[in-house]
Amino acid sequence: MSRAAQGLRAWLLQRFTAIYLALYLLSMGLLMLLHGPWSYAQWRAWMGSPWTGVSTMIFALALLLHAWVGVRDVLIDYLHAVWLRLLLMALTALLLLGSLLWTLRALLLAAIGTP
């Protein structure tokens, strides 16, 4: 794959994830605005529904992909020491992977009803 195609792929991924993030945040904000205050039990039941869990997991994946592409591009563009760039990219990847696993755990616990 050429460098131009890789840049286009990253650019498209950044745009598509941004669109999903914006739509999710707008819909969740509108839902919370229209619904009013929720009790913990209501919130837990809502987060435990399959549609909410799946859409929230897609949101988490989109957010992490969006962050990865952005941070990776900044590191590639502005860090010229290869060892430092690779180190920071690896640390970023570990942080994002840990965040994804933590989010997945939280969603699964909400879905099965365990505190």
N, C-alpha and C. Protein backbone atom coordinates (compact mmCIF):
# COMPACT_ATOMS: atom_id res chain seq x y z
N MET A 1 0.85 -1.18 0.00
CA MET A 1 0.00 0.00 0.00
C MET A 1 0.90 1.23 0.00
N SER A 2 0.58 2.19 -0.84
CA SER A 2 1.39 3.40 -0.94
C SER A 2 1.18 4.29 0.28
N ARG A 3 2.11 5.23 0.46
CA ARG A 3 1.99 6.16 1.59
C ARG A 3 0.73 7.01 1.47
N ALA A 4 0.39 7.40 0.24
CA ALA A 4 -0.81 8.23 0.04
C ALA A 4 -2.06 7.45 0.44
N ALA A 5 -2.11 6.17 0.09
CA ALA A 5 -3.27 5.36 0.44
C ALA A 5 -3.36 5.16 1.95
N GLN A 6 -2.21 5.01 2.61
CA GLN A 6 -2.22 4.87 4.07
C GLN A 6 -2.71 6.15 4.73
N GLY A 7 -2.29 7.29 4.19
CA GLY A 7 -2.75 8.57 4.72
C GLY A 7 -4.24 8.77 4.51
N LEU A 8 -4.72 8.35 3.34
CA LEU A 8 -6.15 8.45 3.05
C LEU A 8 -6.95 7.55 3.99
N ARG A 9 -6.44 6.35 4.22
CA ARG A 9 -7.13 5.42 5.12
C ARG A 9 -7.23 5.99 6.54
N ALA A 10 -6.13 6.57 7.03
CA ALA A 10 -6.15 7.18 8.36
C ALA A 10 -7.10 8.37 8.39
N TRP A 11 -7.10 9.17 7.34
CA TRP A 11 -7.97 10.34 7.27
C TRP A 11 -9.44 9.91 7.28
N LEU A 12 -9.77 8.89 6.48
CA LEU A 12 -11.15 8.39 6.43
C LEU A 12 -11.57 7.79 7.78
N LEU A 13 -10.68 7.02 8.38
CA LEU A 13 -10.99 6.42 9.68
C LEU A 13 -11.25 7.51 10.72
N GLN A 14 -10.45 8.56 10.69
CA GLN A 14 -10.63 9.68 11.63
C GLN A 14 -12.00 10.32 11.41
N ARG A 15 -12.39 10.51 10.16
CA ARG A 15 -13.68 11.17 9.86
C ARG A 15 -14.86 10.29 10.22
N PHE A 16 -14.81 9.00 9.87
CA PHE A 16 -15.93 8.11 10.17
C PHE A 16 -16.11 7.91 11.67
N THR A 17 -15.01 7.78 12.40
CA THR A 17 -15.14 7.64 13.85
C THR A 17 -15.67 8.93 14.46
N ALA A 18 -15.25 10.07 13.93
CA ALA A 18 -15.75 11.35 14.45
C ALA A 18 -17.25 11.48 14.23
N ILE A 19 -17.74 11.01 13.10
CA ILE A 19 -19.18 11.07 12.82
C ILE A 19 -19.94 10.20 13.81
N TYR A 20 -19.46 8.96 14.03
CA TYR A 20 -20.15 8.08 14.98
C TYR A 20 -20.10 8.66 16.40
N LEU A 21 -18.94 9.18 16.79
CA LEU A 21 -18.82 9.77 18.13
C LEU A 21 -19.79 10.92 18.31
N ALA A 22 -19.89 11.77 17.30
CA ALA A 22 -20.81 12.92 17.40
C ALA A 22 -22.26 12.46 17.47
N LEU A 23 -22.64 11.50 16.63
CA LEU A 23 -24.02 11.01 16.64
C LEU A 23 -24.36 10.34 17.97
N TYR A 24 -23.45 9.54 18.49
CA TYR A 24 -23.68 8.86 19.77
C TYR A 24 -23.84 9.88 20.89
N LEU A 25 -22.91 10.84 20.96
CA LEU A 25 -22.98 11.83 22.03
C LEU A 25 -24.23 12.70 21.93
N LEU A 26 -24.61 13.07 20.72
CA LEU A 26 -25.84 13.85 20.55
C LEU A 26 -27.07 13.06 20.97
N SER A 27 -27.14 11.79 20.56
CA SER A 27 -28.31 10.99 20.90
C SER A 27 -28.36 10.70 22.40
N MET A 28 -27.22 10.40 23.02
CA MET A 28 -27.21 10.15 24.46
C MET A 28 -27.52 11.42 25.24
N GLY A 29 -26.99 12.54 24.79
CA GLY A 29 -27.28 13.81 25.45
C GLY A 29 -28.75 14.16 25.36
N LEU A 30 -29.33 13.96 24.18
CA LEU A 30 -30.76 14.22 23.99
C LEU A 30 -31.60 13.28 24.84
N LEU A 31 -31.23 12.01 24.87
CA LEU A 31 -31.97 11.04 25.68
C LEU A 31 -31.94 11.43 27.16
N MET A 32 -30.78 11.80 27.65
CA MET A 32 -30.68 12.17 29.07
C MET A 32 -31.40 13.48 29.36
N LEU A 33 -31.40 14.38 28.40
CA LEU A 33 -32.09 15.65 28.57
C LEU A 33 -33.60 15.43 28.61
N LEU A 34 -34.12 14.57 27.74
CA LEU A 34 -35.56 14.33 27.67
C LEU A 34 -36.05 13.43 28.80
N HIS A 35 -35.21 12.52 29.25
CA HIS A 35 -35.64 11.56 30.26
C HIS A 35 -35.63 12.15 31.66
N GLY A 36 -34.70 13.02 31.94
CA GLY A 36 -34.59 13.56 33.29
C GLY A 36 -33.71 12.68 34.16
N PRO A 37 -33.70 12.93 35.47
CA PRO A 37 -32.83 12.17 36.37
C PRO A 37 -33.21 10.68 36.40
N TRP A 38 -32.20 9.84 36.45
CA TRP A 38 -32.40 8.40 36.52
C TRP A 38 -31.92 7.89 37.87
N SER A 39 -32.58 6.86 38.34
CA SER A 39 -32.06 6.17 39.52
C SER A 39 -30.95 5.22 39.04
N TYR A 40 -30.19 4.72 39.98
CA TYR A 40 -29.12 3.79 39.63
C TYR A 40 -29.70 2.53 38.99
N ALA A 41 -30.81 2.04 39.51
CA ALA A 41 -31.44 0.83 38.96
C ALA A 41 -31.91 1.06 37.52
N GLN A 42 -32.48 2.24 37.24
CA GLN A 42 -32.91 2.54 35.88
C GLN A 42 -31.72 2.62 34.94
N TRP A 43 -30.67 3.29 35.38
CA TRP A 43 -29.48 3.41 34.55
C TRP A 43 -28.87 2.04 34.26
N ARG A 44 -28.83 1.21 35.30
CA ARG A 44 -28.24 -0.12 35.15
C ARG A 44 -29.06 -0.99 34.20
N ALA A 45 -30.39 -0.91 34.30
CA ALA A 45 -31.24 -1.67 33.39
C ALA A 45 -31.06 -1.17 31.96
N TRP A 46 -30.95 0.13 31.80
CA TRP A 46 -30.77 0.70 30.47
C TRP A 46 -29.41 0.29 29.88
N MET A 47 -28.35 0.35 30.70
CA MET A 47 -27.02 -0.04 30.22
C MET A 47 -26.93 -1.55 29.98
N GLY A 48 -27.79 -2.31 30.63
CA GLY A 48 -27.78 -3.76 30.45
C GLY A 48 -28.49 -4.23 29.21
N SER A 49 -29.23 -3.34 28.55
CA SER A 49 -29.93 -3.76 27.33
C SER A 49 -28.93 -3.98 26.20
N PRO A 50 -29.20 -4.96 25.33
CA PRO A 50 -28.24 -5.27 24.26
C PRO A 50 -27.94 -4.09 23.34
N TRP A 51 -28.96 -3.33 22.95
CA TRP A 51 -28.73 -2.22 22.02
C TRP A 51 -27.84 -1.16 22.63
N THR A 52 -28.07 -0.85 23.88
CA THR A 52 -27.24 0.16 24.54
C THR A 52 -25.82 -0.35 24.71
N GLY A 53 -25.68 -1.59 25.13
CA GLY A 53 -24.34 -2.16 25.30
C GLY A 53 -23.55 -2.20 24.01
N VAL A 54 -24.20 -2.64 22.93
CA VAL A 54 -23.51 -2.72 21.64
C VAL A 54 -23.15 -1.33 21.13
N SER A 55 -24.09 -0.39 21.21
CA SER A 55 -23.79 0.95 20.71
C SER A 55 -22.72 1.63 21.56
N THR A 56 -22.70 1.35 22.86
CA THR A 56 -21.67 1.92 23.73
C THR A 56 -20.32 1.27 23.46
N MET A 57 -20.31 -0.03 23.17
CA MET A 57 -19.04 -0.69 22.84
C MET A 57 -18.50 -0.17 21.52
N ILE A 58 -19.37 0.03 20.54
CA ILE A 58 -18.93 0.62 19.27
C ILE A 58 -18.40 2.02 19.51
N PHE A 59 -19.05 2.77 20.40
CA PHE A 59 -18.57 4.11 20.76
C PHE A 59 -17.16 4.03 21.34
N ALA A 60 -16.95 3.09 22.26
CA ALA A 60 -15.63 2.95 22.88
C ALA A 60 -14.58 2.58 21.84
N LEU A 61 -14.91 1.66 20.94
CA LEU A 61 -13.97 1.28 19.88
C LEU A 61 -13.67 2.46 18.97
N ALA A 62 -14.71 3.19 18.59
CA ALA A 62 -14.52 4.35 17.72
C ALA A 62 -13.67 5.41 18.41
N LEU A 63 -13.91 5.63 19.70
CA LEU A 63 -13.13 6.62 20.45
C LEU A 63 -11.66 6.22 20.52
N LEU A 64 -11.41 4.94 20.78
CA LEU A 64 -10.03 4.49 20.87
C LEU A 64 -9.33 4.51 19.52
N LEU A 65 -10.03 4.13 18.45
CA LEU A 65 -9.45 4.22 17.11
C LEU A 65 -9.16 5.67 16.74
N HIS A 66 -10.09 6.55 17.06
CA HIS A 66 -9.93 7.97 16.78
C HIS A 66 -8.70 8.51 17.53
N ALA A 67 -8.58 8.15 18.79
CA ALA A 67 -7.43 8.59 19.59
C ALA A 67 -6.13 8.01 19.05
N TRP A 68 -6.15 6.72 18.68
CA TRP A 68 -4.94 6.08 18.18
C TRP A 68 -4.45 6.76 16.90
N VAL A 69 -5.34 6.99 15.96
CA VAL A 69 -4.93 7.62 14.70
C VAL A 69 -4.39 9.02 14.96
N GLY A 70 -5.05 9.78 15.81
CA GLY A 70 -4.59 11.13 16.10
C GLY A 70 -3.24 11.17 16.78
N VAL A 71 -3.07 10.37 17.83
CA VAL A 71 -1.80 10.36 18.56
C VAL A 71 -0.69 9.80 17.67
N ARG A 72 -0.98 8.74 16.94
CA ARG A 72 0.02 8.14 16.05
C ARG A 72 0.50 9.14 15.01
N ASP A 73 -0.43 9.87 14.40
CA ASP A 73 -0.04 10.85 13.39
C ASP A 73 0.80 11.98 13.98
N VAL A 74 0.44 12.43 15.18
CA VAL A 74 1.24 13.48 15.83
C VAL A 74 2.64 12.96 16.13
N LEU A 75 2.74 11.73 16.66
CA LEU A 75 4.05 11.17 16.97
C LEU A 75 4.89 10.98 15.71
N ILE A 76 4.28 10.49 14.64
CA ILE A 76 5.02 10.29 13.39
C ILE A 76 5.49 11.63 12.82
N ASP A 77 4.64 12.63 12.88
CA ASP A 77 4.97 13.92 12.28
C ASP A 77 5.99 14.72 13.08
N TYR A 78 5.97 14.63 14.41
CA TYR A 78 6.76 15.54 15.22
C TYR A 78 7.89 14.91 16.02
N LEU A 79 7.93 13.60 16.12
CA LEU A 79 9.05 12.95 16.82
C LEU A 79 9.96 12.30 15.80
N HIS A 80 11.18 12.78 15.73
CA HIS A 80 12.10 12.26 14.72
C HIS A 80 13.00 11.16 15.26
N ALA A 81 13.13 11.05 16.56
CA ALA A 81 13.89 9.95 17.16
C ALA A 81 13.02 8.69 17.10
N VAL A 82 13.44 7.74 16.29
CA VAL A 82 12.62 6.55 16.05
C VAL A 82 12.36 5.78 17.34
N TRP A 83 13.37 5.65 18.19
CA TRP A 83 13.20 4.87 19.42
C TRP A 83 12.16 5.51 20.33
N LEU A 84 12.17 6.84 20.41
CA LEU A 84 11.21 7.53 21.26
C LEU A 84 9.80 7.44 20.68
N ARG A 85 9.71 7.57 19.37
CA ARG A 85 8.42 7.46 18.69
C ARG A 85 7.82 6.08 18.93
N LEU A 86 8.62 5.03 18.75
CA LEU A 86 8.13 3.67 18.95
C LEU A 86 7.75 3.42 20.40
N LEU A 87 8.54 3.94 21.32
CA LEU A 87 8.23 3.78 22.74
C LEU A 87 6.90 4.43 23.09
N LEU A 88 6.72 5.66 22.65
CA LEU A 88 5.47 6.37 22.95
C LEU A 88 4.27 5.74 22.24
N MET A 89 4.49 5.23 21.04
CA MET A 89 3.39 4.54 20.35
C MET A 89 3.01 3.26 21.09
N ALA A 90 4.00 2.53 21.58
CA ALA A 90 3.72 1.30 22.33
C ALA A 90 3.00 1.62 23.64
N LEU A 91 3.44 2.66 24.34
CA LEU A 91 2.77 3.06 25.58
C LEU A 91 1.34 3.51 25.32
N THR A 92 1.14 4.25 24.24
CA THR A 92 -0.21 4.69 23.86
C THR A 92 -1.09 3.49 23.55
N ALA A 93 -0.54 2.53 22.80
CA ALA A 93 -1.31 1.33 22.45
C ALA A 93 -1.69 0.56 23.71
N LEU A 94 -0.77 0.43 24.66
CA LEU A 94 -1.07 -0.27 25.91
C LEU A 94 -2.14 0.45 26.71
N LEU A 95 -2.04 1.77 26.79
CA LEU A 95 -3.04 2.56 27.51
C LEU A 95 -4.42 2.40 26.86
N LEU A 96 -4.47 2.47 25.54
CA LEU A 96 -5.76 2.35 24.85
C LEU A 96 -6.32 0.94 24.97
N LEU A 97 -5.47 -0.07 24.90
CA LEU A 97 -5.93 -1.45 25.06
C LEU A 97 -6.46 -1.67 26.47
N GLY A 98 -5.76 -1.15 27.48
CA GLY A 98 -6.25 -1.25 28.85
C GLY A 98 -7.59 -0.56 29.03
N SER A 99 -7.74 0.60 28.40
CA SER A 99 -9.02 1.32 28.46
C SER A 99 -10.14 0.53 27.81
N LEU A 100 -9.83 -0.11 26.69
CA LEU A 100 -10.83 -0.93 26.01
C LEU A 100 -11.25 -2.11 26.87
N LEU A 101 -10.29 -2.78 27.48
CA LEU A 101 -10.62 -3.93 28.33
C LEU A 101 -11.42 -3.51 29.55
N TRP A 102 -11.08 -2.37 30.15
CA TRP A 102 -11.83 -1.86 31.30
C TRP A 102 -13.26 -1.53 30.89
N THR A 103 -13.43 -0.91 29.72
CA THR A 103 -14.77 -0.57 29.23
C THR A 103 -15.58 -1.84 28.97
N LEU A 104 -14.96 -2.82 28.33
CA LEU A 104 -15.64 -4.08 28.06
C LEU A 104 -16.08 -4.74 29.36
N ARG A 105 -15.22 -4.73 30.36
CA ARG A 105 -15.56 -5.32 31.66
C ARG A 105 -16.75 -4.59 32.29
N ALA A 106 -16.72 -3.26 32.25
CA ALA A 106 -17.82 -2.48 32.84
C ALA A 106 -19.14 -2.76 32.12
N LEU A 107 -19.10 -2.86 30.80
CA LEU A 107 -20.33 -3.14 30.05
C LEU A 107 -20.84 -4.55 30.32
N LEU A 108 -19.94 -5.51 30.42
CA LEU A 108 -20.37 -6.87 30.72
C LEU A 108 -20.95 -6.98 32.12
N LEU A 109 -20.34 -6.31 33.08
CA LEU A 109 -20.89 -6.34 34.44
C LEU A 109 -22.26 -5.67 34.49
N ALA A 110 -22.45 -4.60 33.74
CA ALA A 110 -23.76 -3.95 33.69
C ALA A 110 -24.79 -4.87 33.03
N ALA A 111 -24.35 -5.62 32.02
CA ALA A 111 -25.27 -6.50 31.30
C ALA A 111 -25.72 -7.68 32.15
N ILE A 112 -24.80 -8.24 32.96
CA ILE A 112 -25.19 -9.41 33.76
C ILE A 112 -25.70 -9.03 35.13
N GLY A 113 -25.61 -7.75 35.48
CA GLY A 113 -26.20 -7.29 36.73
C GLY A 113 -25.36 -7.50 37.96
N THR A 114 -24.05 -7.67 37.79
CA THR A 114 -23.16 -7.83 38.94
C THR A 114 -22.64 -6.47 39.36
N PRO A 115 -22.65 -6.17 40.66
CA PRO A 115 -22.15 -4.86 41.12
C PRO A 115 -20.65 -4.73 40.96
